[in-house]
Amino acid sequence: MCGIFGVVISERALVAPKDVFDLFSALGIASQSRGVDGSGLLAALAGQSYVHRSPDPFERLVASQAYAELQARVRTNSHALEGGGLLIGHARLATHG
């Protein structure tokens, strides 16, 4: 089995980017019980999409430079969450057969 999780941000939500990423990270780390053989994320924020795949568990993905750069882009764009947004993550469990 794999773990699929996400955060949907309403365009009317009054939430800070840090809170969104903290929640998403916590969901991803909790989902590792469903798989640690790989992870990934899709972010649709401020009219842009971002995809990152990793052969590592989710806790390593959120500690990566690529994840830090995504957070920095959102935090420096004061309008990043105004239109709402979506973060979807995946914790992969390799199966055979």
C-alpha atoms as a PDB file:
ATOM      1  CA  MET A   1       0.000   0.000   0.000  1.00  0.00           C
ATOM      2  CA  CYS A   2       0.943   3.626  -0.473  1.00  0.00           C
ATOM      3  CA  GLY A   3      -0.075   6.779   1.331  1.00  0.00           C
ATOM      4  CA  ILE A   4      -1.773   9.613  -0.538  1.00  0.00           C
ATOM      5  CA  PHE A   5      -2.408  12.862   1.337  1.00  0.00           C
ATOM      6  CA  GLY A   6      -2.958  16.521   0.633  1.00  0.00           C
ATOM      7  CA  VAL A   7      -3.931  20.012   1.633  1.00  0.00           C
ATOM      8  CA  VAL A   8      -6.504  22.094  -0.233  1.00  0.00           C
ATOM      9  CA  ILE A   9      -6.374  25.832   0.399  1.00  0.00           C
ATOM     10  CA  SER A  10      -9.559  27.807  -0.205  1.00  0.00           C
ATOM     11  CA  GLU A  11      -9.195  31.164  -1.935  1.00  0.00           C
ATOM     12  CA  ARG A  12     -10.890  32.666   1.141  1.00  0.00           C
ATOM     13  CA  ALA A  13      -8.546  30.992   3.630  1.00  0.00           C
ATOM     14  CA  LEU A  14      -6.497  33.212   5.885  1.00  0.00           C
ATOM     15  CA  VAL A  15      -3.540  30.930   6.417  1.00  0.00           C
ATOM     16  CA  ALA A  16       0.179  31.567   6.389  1.00  0.00           C
ATOM     17  CA  PRO A  17       2.380  29.601   3.971  1.00  0.00           C
ATOM     18  CA  LYS A  18       4.421  28.291   6.922  1.00  0.00           C
ATOM     19  CA  ASP A  19       1.288  26.747   8.431  1.00  0.00           C
ATOM     20  CA  VAL A  20       0.367  25.098   5.123  1.00  0.00           C
ATOM     21  CA  PHE A  21       3.830  23.562   4.714  1.00  0.00           C
ATOM     22  CA  ASP A  22       3.966  22.500   8.384  1.00  0.00           C
ATOM     23  CA  LEU A  23       0.638  20.679   8.009  1.00  0.00           C
ATOM     24  CA  PHE A  24       1.652  19.112   4.698  1.00  0.00           C
ATOM     25  CA  SER A  25       4.974  17.931   6.163  1.00  0.00           C
ATOM     26  CA  ALA A  26       3.229  16.417   9.188  1.00  0.00           C
ATOM     27  CA  LEU A  27       0.747  14.569   6.957  1.00  0.00           C
ATOM     28  CA  GLY A  28       3.571  13.247   4.802  1.00  0.00           C
ATOM     29  CA  ILE A  29       5.638  12.010   7.707  1.00  0.00           C
ATOM     30  CA  ALA A  30       2.550  10.330   9.202  1.00  0.00           C
ATOM     31  CA  SER A  31       1.892   8.678   5.817  1.00  0.00           C
ATOM     32  CA  GLN A  32       5.291   7.001   5.868  1.00  0.00           C
ATOM     33  CA  SER A  33       3.624   4.175   7.784  1.00  0.00           C
ATOM     34  CA  ARG A  34       2.091   3.344   4.378  1.00  0.00           C
ATOM     35  CA  GLY A  35       5.431   3.347   2.535  1.00  0.00           C
ATOM     36  CA  VAL A  36       9.030   4.545   2.696  1.00  0.00           C
ATOM     37  CA  ASP A  37      10.382   3.370  -0.674  1.00  0.00           C
ATOM     38  CA  GLY A  38       9.863   6.708  -2.387  1.00  0.00           C
ATOM     39  CA  SER A  39       7.870   9.900  -2.175  1.00  0.00           C
ATOM     40  CA  GLY A  40       6.684  12.810  -4.214  1.00  0.00           C
ATOM     41  CA  LEU A  41       4.584  15.911  -4.290  1.00  0.00           C
ATOM     42  CA  LEU A  42       2.561  18.101  -6.595  1.00  0.00           C
ATOM     43  CA  ALA A  43       2.000  21.724  -5.650  1.00  0.00           C
ATOM     44  CA  ALA A  44      -0.419  23.965  -7.530  1.00  0.00           C
ATOM     45  CA  LEU A  45       0.037  27.455  -6.091  1.00  0.00           C
ATOM     46  CA  ALA A  46      -0.189  30.969  -7.538  1.00  0.00           C
ATOM     47  CA  GLY A  47      -1.090  29.683 -10.985  1.00  0.00           C
ATOM     48  CA  GLN A  48       2.024  27.501 -11.189  1.00  0.00           C
ATOM     49  CA  SER A  49       2.551  23.817 -10.689  1.00  0.00           C
ATOM     50  CA  TYR A  50       5.567  22.098  -9.238  1.00  0.00           C
ATOM     51  CA  VAL A  51       6.326  18.357  -9.197  1.00  0.00           C
ATOM     52  CA  HIS A  52       9.081  16.657  -7.243  1.00  0.00           C
ATOM     53  CA  ARG A  53       9.785  12.913  -7.055  1.00  0.00           C
ATOM     54  CA  SER A  54      12.265  11.291  -4.737  1.00  0.00           C
ATOM     55  CA  PRO A  55      13.500   7.721  -4.173  1.00  0.00           C
ATOM     56  CA  ASP A  56      13.681   8.595  -0.472  1.00  0.00           C
ATOM     57  CA  PRO A  57      11.105   8.521   2.338  1.00  0.00           C
ATOM     58  CA  PHE A  58       8.971  11.632   2.714  1.00  0.00           C
ATOM     59  CA  GLU A  59      10.923  12.865   5.751  1.00  0.00           C
ATOM     60  CA  ARG A  60      13.988  13.189   3.499  1.00  0.00           C
ATOM     61  CA  LEU A  61      11.983  14.900   0.767  1.00  0.00           C
ATOM     62  CA  VAL A  62      10.867  17.640   3.179  1.00  0.00           C
ATOM     63  CA  ALA A  63      14.487  18.060   4.309  1.00  0.00           C
ATOM     64  CA  SER A  64      15.708  18.438   0.702  1.00  0.00           C
ATOM     65  CA  GLN A  65      16.956  21.583  -0.995  1.00  0.00           C
ATOM     66  CA  ALA A  66      14.187  21.285  -3.618  1.00  0.00           C
ATOM     67  CA  TYR A  67      11.493  21.392  -0.923  1.00  0.00           C
ATOM     68  CA  ALA A  68      13.183  24.346   0.794  1.00  0.00           C
ATOM     69  CA  GLU A  69      13.259  26.207  -2.537  1.00  0.00           C
ATOM     70  CA  LEU A  70       9.539  25.568  -3.084  1.00  0.00           C
ATOM     71  CA  GLN A  71       8.751  26.941   0.379  1.00  0.00           C
ATOM     72  CA  ALA A  72      10.949  29.990  -0.243  1.00  0.00           C
ATOM     73  CA  ARG A  73       9.181  30.745  -3.542  1.00  0.00           C
ATOM     74  CA  VAL A  74       5.796  30.641  -1.859  1.00  0.00           C
ATOM     75  CA  ARG A  75       6.886  32.664   1.177  1.00  0.00           C
ATOM     76  CA  THR A  76       8.423  35.421  -0.934  1.00  0.00           C
ATOM     77  CA  ASN A  77       5.309  35.733  -3.126  1.00  0.00           C
ATOM     78  CA  SER A  78       2.768  37.656  -1.038  1.00  0.00           C
ATOM     79  CA  HIS A  79      -0.007  36.549  -3.437  1.00  0.00           C
ATOM     80  CA  ALA A  80       0.938  32.843  -3.546  1.00  0.00           C
ATOM     81  CA  LEU A  81      -2.103  31.620  -1.610  1.00  0.00           C
ATOM     82  CA  GLU A  82      -4.637  34.304  -2.574  1.00  0.00           C
ATOM     83  CA  GLY A  83      -6.307  32.216  -5.264  1.00  0.00           C
ATOM     84  CA  GLY A  84      -6.227  29.047  -3.203  1.00  0.00           C
ATOM     85  CA  GLY A  85      -3.954  26.143  -3.833  1.00  0.00           C
ATOM     86  CA  LEU A  86      -3.329  22.450  -3.614  1.00  0.00           C
ATOM     87  CA  LEU A  87      -0.546  20.250  -2.270  1.00  0.00           C
ATOM     88  CA  ILE A  88      -0.729  16.497  -2.908  1.00  0.00           C
ATOM     89  CA  GLY A  89       1.832  14.046  -1.614  1.00  0.00           C
ATOM     90  CA  HIS A  90       2.644  10.365  -2.028  1.00  0.00           C
ATOM     91  CA  ALA A  91       4.529   7.950   0.200  1.00  0.00           C
ATOM     92  CA  ARG A  92       5.411   4.864  -1.874  1.00  0.00           C
ATOM     93  CA  LEU A  93       5.656   1.249  -0.792  1.00  0.00           C
ATOM     94  CA  ALA A  94       7.336  -0.997  -3.335  1.00  0.00           C
ATOM     95  CA  THR A  95       5.405  -4.200  -3.960  1.00  0.00           C
ATOM     96  CA  HIS A  96       6.258  -7.226  -6.026  1.00  0.00           C
ATOM     97  CA  GLY A  97       3.723  -9.386  -7.759  1.00  0.00           C
END
